[in-house]
Amino acid sequence: MPYDEELANRIRELVAGELGLTEKRMFGGLAFLIGGNMAVAASSQGGVLVRADPEESDTLVAKTDARLFEMRGRAMRGWLRVDAEHLGTKRQLAKWVVLGTAYARSLPTKR
């Protein structure tokens, strides 16, 4: 299943103007990177994949609609999946885009 183009456009609108912004196909979806670090992606499985501080993963999962991203059956701290049903409004999506972009900005730029 391809990623949701409408969702990608909604993300694109929210990240417009970010310094060092690039787009790249990753994980079967479309990722938005800042300084070469993934911030958020429109996932091929629906919803978004969000990069967050690994130390905040457990709290975010406990207090929000996010769950840990799993790769090959292994839960990945610092990578969160949020289903499309929790992203219906601009405010709902913006919360995750802001989280992901803030974390990506805090990381060293990749060369």
Protein backbone atom coordinates (compact mmCIF):
# COMPACT_ATOMS: atom_id res chain seq x y z
CA MET A 1 0.00 0.00 0.00
CA PRO A 2 1.49 3.39 -0.92
CA TYR A 3 1.60 6.20 1.61
CA ASP A 4 -1.31 8.63 1.83
CA GLU A 5 -0.54 11.56 -0.51
CA GLU A 6 -3.07 13.81 1.23
CA LEU A 7 -1.42 13.16 4.59
CA ALA A 8 2.02 13.83 3.05
CA ASN A 9 0.70 17.15 1.73
CA ARG A 10 -0.68 18.04 5.16
CA ILE A 11 2.73 17.31 6.71
CA ARG A 12 4.47 19.27 3.94
CA GLU A 13 2.30 22.28 4.78
CA LEU A 14 3.27 22.07 8.46
CA VAL A 15 7.03 21.72 7.84
CA ALA A 16 7.24 24.40 5.14
CA GLY A 17 9.99 26.83 6.04
CA GLU A 18 12.03 24.42 8.18
CA LEU A 19 15.74 24.97 7.56
CA GLY A 20 17.54 21.95 6.11
CA LEU A 21 14.29 20.21 5.12
CA THR A 22 14.41 17.35 2.63
CA GLU A 23 11.98 14.64 1.59
CA LYS A 24 13.00 11.05 1.05
CA ARG A 25 11.21 7.77 0.45
CA MET A 26 11.89 5.59 3.51
CA PHE A 27 10.20 2.61 5.15
CA GLY A 28 7.81 2.46 2.17
CA GLY A 29 6.56 5.95 2.97
CA LEU A 30 7.62 9.55 2.48
CA ALA A 31 9.89 10.90 5.20
CA PHE A 32 10.55 14.53 6.04
CA LEU A 33 14.09 15.07 7.27
CA ILE A 34 15.73 18.03 8.95
CA GLY A 35 19.48 18.19 8.70
CA GLY A 36 19.41 14.64 7.35
CA ASN A 37 17.55 13.30 10.41
CA MET A 38 14.07 11.90 9.98
CA ALA A 39 11.43 13.93 11.80
CA VAL A 40 8.13 12.48 10.58
CA ALA A 41 6.94 10.27 7.74
CA ALA A 42 3.69 9.51 5.99
CA SER A 43 3.72 5.75 6.45
CA SER A 44 2.88 3.13 3.84
CA GLN A 45 0.95 1.38 6.63
CA GLY A 46 -1.22 4.43 7.18
CA GLY A 47 -0.76 7.22 9.68
CA VAL A 48 2.63 8.62 10.57
CA LEU A 49 5.96 7.47 11.87
CA VAL A 50 7.44 10.05 14.27
CA ARG A 51 10.97 10.35 15.57
CA ALA A 52 11.14 11.24 19.26
CA ASP A 53 13.59 11.23 22.14
CA PRO A 54 13.97 7.56 23.14
CA GLU A 55 13.88 8.61 26.80
CA GLU A 56 10.34 10.00 26.26
CA SER A 57 9.01 6.96 24.38
CA ASP A 58 7.39 5.19 27.31
CA THR A 59 5.66 8.35 28.53
CA LEU A 60 4.38 9.23 25.05
CA VAL A 61 3.02 5.73 24.54
CA ALA A 62 1.34 5.76 27.96
CA LYS A 63 -0.24 9.21 27.59
CA THR A 64 -1.09 9.49 23.87
CA ASP A 65 -2.44 7.48 20.96
CA ALA A 66 1.07 6.57 19.82
CA ARG A 67 2.64 3.14 19.97
CA LEU A 68 6.22 2.05 19.48
CA PHE A 69 7.23 1.34 15.90
CA GLU A 70 8.20 -2.30 15.40
CA MET A 71 10.85 -3.45 12.98
CA ARG A 72 11.17 -7.20 12.45
CA GLY A 73 9.16 -7.81 15.61
CA ARG A 74 11.35 -5.56 17.75
CA ALA A 75 9.91 -2.41 19.39
CA MET A 76 12.05 0.61 18.57
CA ARG A 77 12.24 3.24 21.32
CA GLY A 78 12.36 6.73 19.85
CA TRP A 79 10.23 5.74 16.86
CA LEU A 80 6.46 6.14 17.26
CA ARG A 81 3.56 5.14 15.06
CA VAL A 82 0.32 7.13 15.15
CA ASP A 83 -2.67 5.79 13.22
CA ALA A 84 -4.54 7.98 10.74
CA GLU A 85 -7.69 7.96 12.89
CA HIS A 86 -5.79 10.10 15.42
CA LEU A 87 -4.61 12.63 12.82
CA GLY A 88 -7.90 13.93 11.46
CA THR A 89 -7.44 17.57 12.41
CA LYS A 90 -4.61 19.95 11.75
CA ARG A 91 -4.05 20.29 15.50
CA GLN A 92 -3.81 16.51 15.97
CA LEU A 93 -1.25 16.15 13.18
CA ALA A 94 0.68 19.29 14.16
CA LYS A 95 1.31 17.91 17.65
CA TRP A 96 3.29 15.01 16.14
CA VAL A 97 4.99 17.08 13.45
CA VAL A 98 6.20 19.56 16.08
CA LEU A 99 7.49 16.73 18.27
CA GLY A 100 9.34 15.07 15.40
CA THR A 101 10.82 18.24 13.96
CA ALA A 102 11.99 19.46 17.37
CA TYR A 103 13.76 16.18 18.01
CA ALA A 104 15.32 16.07 14.53
CA ARG A 105 16.60 19.65 15.01
CA SER A 106 18.23 18.61 18.29
CA LEU A 107 20.39 16.00 16.55
CA PRO A 108 23.71 16.70 14.82
CA THR A 109 23.32 17.42 11.12
CA LYS A 110 24.22 14.45 8.95
CA ARG A 111 26.67 15.08 6.14
